[in-house]
Amino acid sequence: MKRLIILCIILMAGITGCGTAVEENADPEKDQSSGSGEDVSVQKGIVAGEMEPSLTKQESNGQISYTYTVKNQTEHEKTFVFSSGQTIDFELRNDKGEIVYKDSKNKMYTQATQEITLKQAEEFSQMVVLPPVESGTYTLTVWLTAKGEQNYKATTEVQVD
């Protein structure tokens, strides 16, 4: 009988704890319009920024590459959870809008969960090497593949001669 009472107490404490965690995370001050759930409230007189994606071009020996960067411009740490070894994906579209290359197509990635945490003002960067394509104008779009997150797309025009 004592065991049953102790078991009931433990279960009720666990259920109560779960309900409290949900209530604590529910914050009406959070900006839901951006879809990122970032807190945009004013703290100590500073307004929180955003996660900023960008692309920077490099060219070496005729090979075009870009560095995709996401910078944490918020007042809070941001943790990204990835369900595989893939952290970004990218695609090239021709001037007609047709996808001529998608990096993840026909590729396999390790199936291991990984997390990347960016503190305030820290950056996550990854090199994007473009495949050989015919001469022309393309649109390069790169994004994060984190679970349940905004994808932080960055887009640029690419001219291939």
Protein backbone atom coordinates (compact mmCIF):
# COMPACT_ATOMS: atom_id res chain seq x y z
CA MET A 1 0.00 0.00 0.00
CA LYS A 2 2.86 2.37 0.87
CA ARG A 3 4.44 1.69 -2.52
CA LEU A 4 1.21 2.60 -4.29
CA ILE A 5 0.98 5.90 -2.43
CA ILE A 6 4.63 6.72 -3.15
CA LEU A 7 4.16 5.84 -6.83
CA CYS A 8 1.09 8.12 -7.03
CA ILE A 9 3.02 10.99 -5.42
CA ILE A 10 5.90 10.59 -7.88
CA LEU A 11 3.55 10.45 -10.87
CA MET A 12 1.63 13.54 -9.71
CA ALA A 13 4.89 15.44 -9.16
CA GLY A 14 6.03 14.49 -12.68
CA ILE A 15 2.75 15.52 -14.26
CA THR A 16 2.70 18.79 -12.33
CA GLY A 17 6.28 19.53 -13.41
CA CYS A 18 5.44 18.92 -17.06
CA GLY A 19 2.48 21.29 -16.92
CA THR A 20 4.57 23.99 -15.28
CA ALA A 21 7.25 23.81 -17.99
CA VAL A 22 4.67 24.38 -20.70
CA GLU A 23 3.23 27.39 -18.90
CA GLU A 24 6.66 28.91 -18.31
CA ASN A 25 7.53 28.68 -22.00
CA ALA A 26 4.26 30.28 -23.09
CA ASP A 27 5.20 33.96 -23.30
CA PRO A 28 2.78 36.42 -24.93
CA GLU A 29 5.67 38.89 -25.31
CA LYS A 30 7.30 36.70 -27.97
CA ASP A 31 7.07 37.83 -31.57
CA GLN A 32 5.13 35.10 -33.36
CA SER A 33 4.91 37.01 -36.64
CA SER A 34 8.49 36.17 -37.58
CA GLY A 35 7.95 32.48 -36.92
CA SER A 36 11.25 32.31 -35.06
CA GLY A 37 9.89 32.77 -31.55
CA GLU A 38 12.62 35.30 -30.77
CA ASP A 39 11.95 37.54 -27.77
CA VAL A 40 11.64 41.11 -29.01
CA SER A 41 10.96 42.71 -25.64
CA VAL A 42 13.15 45.56 -24.43
CA GLN A 43 15.69 44.52 -21.82
CA LYS A 44 18.03 47.00 -20.18
CA GLY A 45 17.24 49.54 -22.90
CA ILE A 46 18.46 47.41 -25.82
CA VAL A 47 16.05 46.07 -28.45
CA ALA A 48 16.76 42.49 -29.53
CA GLY A 49 17.90 42.03 -33.11
CA GLU A 50 17.45 39.12 -35.47
CA MET A 51 19.37 36.17 -36.85
CA GLU A 52 21.06 37.55 -40.00
CA PRO A 53 21.83 35.23 -42.93
CA SER A 54 24.30 36.35 -45.61
CA LEU A 55 26.34 35.10 -48.57
CA THR A 56 29.89 36.22 -49.39
CA LYS A 57 31.46 35.37 -52.76
CA GLN A 58 34.95 33.93 -53.24
CA GLU A 59 36.59 32.98 -56.51
CA SER A 60 39.75 30.91 -56.79
CA ASN A 61 41.24 29.30 -59.90
CA GLY A 62 37.97 29.80 -61.79
CA GLN A 63 35.96 28.00 -59.08
CA ILE A 64 33.16 30.09 -57.60
CA SER A 65 32.24 29.51 -53.98
CA TYR A 66 30.28 31.35 -51.31
CA THR A 67 30.39 31.47 -47.55
CA TYR A 68 26.94 31.17 -46.01
CA THR A 69 26.80 32.83 -42.60
CA VAL A 70 24.09 33.18 -39.97
CA LYS A 71 24.94 35.75 -37.29
CA ASN A 72 23.13 35.92 -33.96
CA GLN A 73 22.21 39.59 -33.58
CA THR A 74 19.80 38.85 -30.71
CA GLU A 75 20.30 39.26 -26.97
CA HIS A 76 19.91 35.52 -26.40
CA GLU A 77 21.75 32.34 -27.23
CA LYS A 78 20.17 30.43 -30.11
CA THR A 79 20.42 26.65 -30.39
CA PHE A 80 19.80 24.89 -33.69
CA VAL A 81 19.03 21.16 -33.69
CA PHE A 82 19.83 19.15 -36.82
CA SER A 83 18.52 15.62 -37.36
CA SER A 84 21.47 14.62 -39.54
CA GLY A 85 24.97 15.65 -40.58
CA GLN A 86 23.42 18.11 -43.02
CA THR A 87 23.37 21.66 -41.63
CA ILE A 88 22.61 23.61 -44.82
CA ASP A 89 21.15 23.00 -48.25
CA PHE A 90 21.31 25.08 -51.40
CA GLU A 91 19.93 25.24 -54.90
CA LEU A 92 20.76 26.98 -58.16
CA ARG A 93 17.93 28.19 -60.38
CA ASN A 94 18.37 29.32 -63.97
CA ASP A 95 16.90 32.53 -65.39
CA LYS A 96 13.65 30.63 -66.12
CA GLY A 97 13.30 29.73 -62.41
CA GLU A 98 14.04 26.04 -62.97
CA ILE A 99 16.16 24.23 -60.39
CA VAL A 100 19.34 23.12 -62.17
CA TYR A 101 21.12 21.89 -59.04
CA LYS A 102 20.06 21.04 -55.48
CA ASP A 103 22.86 20.03 -53.15
CA SER A 104 20.93 17.48 -51.08
CA LYS A 105 19.52 15.61 -54.08
CA ASN A 106 20.93 12.10 -54.32
CA LYS A 107 23.11 12.57 -51.22
CA MET A 108 23.10 10.76 -47.92
CA TYR A 109 23.99 12.26 -44.54
CA THR A 110 24.88 10.73 -41.20
CA GLN A 111 21.76 10.13 -39.15
CA ALA A 112 22.97 11.63 -35.89
CA THR A 113 21.32 14.51 -34.08
CA GLN A 114 23.59 17.49 -33.57
CA GLU A 115 23.17 20.89 -31.95
CA ILE A 116 24.87 24.17 -32.71
CA THR A 117 24.52 27.00 -30.19
CA LEU A 118 25.28 30.58 -31.18
CA LYS A 119 25.89 33.06 -28.39
CA GLN A 120 25.16 36.74 -28.90
CA ALA A 121 27.16 38.11 -31.88
CA GLU A 122 28.52 34.65 -32.81
CA GLU A 123 28.31 33.30 -36.36
CA PHE A 124 27.78 29.94 -37.98
CA SER A 125 29.49 29.71 -41.39
CA GLN A 126 29.75 27.04 -44.03
CA MET A 127 31.36 27.04 -47.46
CA VAL A 128 29.13 26.49 -50.50
CA VAL A 129 31.02 25.26 -53.58
CA LEU A 130 29.05 25.67 -56.76
CA PRO A 131 28.95 22.78 -59.22
CA PRO A 132 30.05 23.22 -62.83
CA VAL A 133 27.15 24.69 -64.81
CA GLU A 134 26.73 26.24 -68.24
CA SER A 135 27.33 29.95 -68.74
CA GLY A 136 24.43 32.12 -67.68
CA THR A 137 22.73 33.89 -64.83
CA TYR A 138 21.57 31.86 -61.84
CA THR A 139 19.96 32.47 -58.49
CA LEU A 140 21.67 30.81 -55.53
CA THR A 141 19.57 30.20 -52.42
CA VAL A 142 21.11 28.74 -49.24
CA TRP A 143 19.30 27.85 -46.01
CA LEU A 144 19.69 26.09 -42.66
CA THR A 145 18.16 22.63 -42.26
CA ALA A 146 17.55 22.84 -38.49
CA LYS A 147 14.46 21.07 -37.17
CA GLY A 148 11.44 23.23 -36.44
CA GLU A 149 13.24 26.45 -37.22
CA GLN A 150 12.94 29.31 -39.61
CA ASN A 151 15.34 28.40 -42.41
CA TYR A 152 17.21 31.73 -42.61
CA LYS A 153 17.45 31.82 -46.41
CA ALA A 154 20.07 33.92 -48.16
CA THR A 155 19.80 34.53 -51.91
CA THR A 156 22.15 36.08 -54.46
CA GLU A 157 22.52 36.31 -58.23
CA VAL A 158 25.37 34.30 -59.74
CA GLN A 159 26.88 35.11 -63.13
CA VAL A 160 28.76 32.17 -64.69
CA ASP A 161 30.95 32.98 -67.73
